[in-house]
Amino acid sequence: MYYVPDGTKICGYYECKKCGTRFLSLQTMERIPCPDCEREIDLEIGPDESMEDVMDTACLQEVIEGEEDVEKMDTLLSLAITGGDFGWI
């Protein structure tokens, strides 16, 4: 699968309030850092700069339970990114 490993039985469906990205995570906490926003943080700082805060910008929308439901949601969310075959819908 694209977002979570095969055989995952429970995961969280998140939406980032900063960039709008929707994704699945093995975590099911109320708020977590967005993986896309985390990639944009510049960890190399100079002597007069301060480290950017990694904020929890992704909010839990729904907890997906059941291996089949997790697989369907993962496939559905990955279609926009991978451009895969959506004939199963």
Protein backbone atom coordinates (compact mmCIF):
# COMPACT_ATOMS: atom_id res chain seq x y z
CA MET A 1 0.00 0.00 0.00
CA TYR A 2 1.04 3.61 -0.39
CA TYR A 3 0.61 5.26 3.04
CA VAL A 4 0.52 2.34 5.48
CA PRO A 5 1.99 -1.21 5.36
CA ASP A 6 -0.03 -4.15 4.04
CA GLY A 7 -2.12 -5.82 6.71
CA THR A 8 -2.74 -2.63 8.74
CA LYS A 9 -5.95 -3.02 10.74
CA ILE A 10 -6.32 0.49 12.20
CA CYS A 11 -5.01 3.88 11.13
CA GLY A 12 -5.81 7.56 11.28
CA TYR A 13 -7.06 9.65 8.36
CA TYR A 14 -5.56 13.15 8.66
CA GLU A 15 -5.84 16.50 6.91
CA CYS A 16 -3.20 19.21 7.29
CA LYS A 17 -4.66 22.63 8.08
CA LYS A 18 -1.55 24.38 6.70
CA CYS A 19 -1.06 22.76 3.26
CA GLY A 20 -4.31 20.81 2.84
CA THR A 21 -2.65 17.42 2.36
CA ARG A 22 -4.73 14.37 3.25
CA PHE A 23 -2.97 11.20 4.32
CA LEU A 24 -3.14 8.03 6.41
CA SER A 25 -0.91 7.39 9.40
CA LEU A 26 -0.43 4.48 11.78
CA GLN A 27 -0.95 7.02 14.57
CA THR A 28 -4.44 7.85 15.82
CA MET A 29 -3.66 10.90 17.96
CA GLU A 30 -5.82 14.03 17.63
CA ARG A 31 -3.02 16.13 16.04
CA ILE A 32 0.32 15.13 14.45
CA PRO A 33 2.97 16.87 12.30
CA CYS A 34 2.25 16.82 8.56
CA PRO A 35 4.92 14.84 6.65
CA ASP A 36 4.83 17.30 3.71
CA CYS A 37 5.25 20.37 5.94
CA GLU A 38 8.05 18.63 7.89
CA ARG A 39 10.04 18.14 4.65
CA GLU A 40 9.99 21.88 3.99
CA ILE A 41 11.66 22.80 7.29
CA ASP A 42 15.28 23.87 6.84
CA LEU A 43 17.28 22.15 9.57
CA GLU A 44 20.50 23.98 8.66
CA ILE A 45 20.59 27.20 10.62
CA GLY A 46 23.15 29.95 10.84
CA PRO A 47 24.46 31.67 13.97
CA ASP A 48 21.80 34.40 13.85
CA GLU A 49 18.84 32.15 12.98
CA SER A 50 16.49 30.15 15.14
CA MET A 51 15.15 26.65 14.48
CA GLU A 52 11.67 26.57 12.94
CA ASP A 53 9.01 25.00 15.11
CA VAL A 54 7.63 21.66 13.99
CA MET A 55 3.95 22.18 14.66
CA ASP A 56 1.23 19.57 14.77
CA THR A 57 -0.75 20.88 11.79
CA ALA A 58 -2.52 17.67 10.74
CA CYS A 59 -5.85 17.00 12.45
CA LEU A 60 -7.47 13.59 12.79
CA GLN A 61 -10.56 13.37 10.58
CA GLU A 62 -11.47 9.72 11.16
CA VAL A 63 -10.10 6.49 12.58
CA ILE A 64 -10.25 3.78 9.89
CA GLU A 65 -10.70 0.27 11.29
CA GLY A 66 -10.62 -3.09 9.52
CA GLU A 67 -7.99 -4.33 7.11
CA GLU A 68 -10.28 -4.07 4.07
CA ASP A 69 -11.40 -0.50 4.88
CA VAL A 70 -7.81 0.62 5.48
CA GLU A 71 -6.75 -0.87 2.14
CA LYS A 72 -9.62 0.84 0.28
CA MET A 73 -8.88 4.23 1.84
CA ASP A 74 -5.15 3.89 1.16
CA THR A 75 -5.84 3.05 -2.49
CA LEU A 76 -8.32 5.89 -2.86
CA LEU A 77 -5.96 8.50 -1.37
CA SER A 78 -3.00 7.28 -3.41
CA LEU A 79 -4.85 7.64 -6.73
CA ALA A 80 -4.35 11.41 -6.77
CA ILE A 81 -0.61 11.02 -6.25
CA THR A 82 0.19 7.92 -8.29
CA GLY A 83 -2.37 8.33 -11.05
CA GLY A 84 -3.09 4.60 -10.76
CA ASP A 85 -5.95 2.47 -12.04
CA PHE A 86 -9.26 3.53 -10.50
CA GLY A 87 -11.43 0.95 -12.29
CA TRP A 88 -12.16 -0.84 -8.99
CA ILE A 89 -14.20 2.10 -7.66
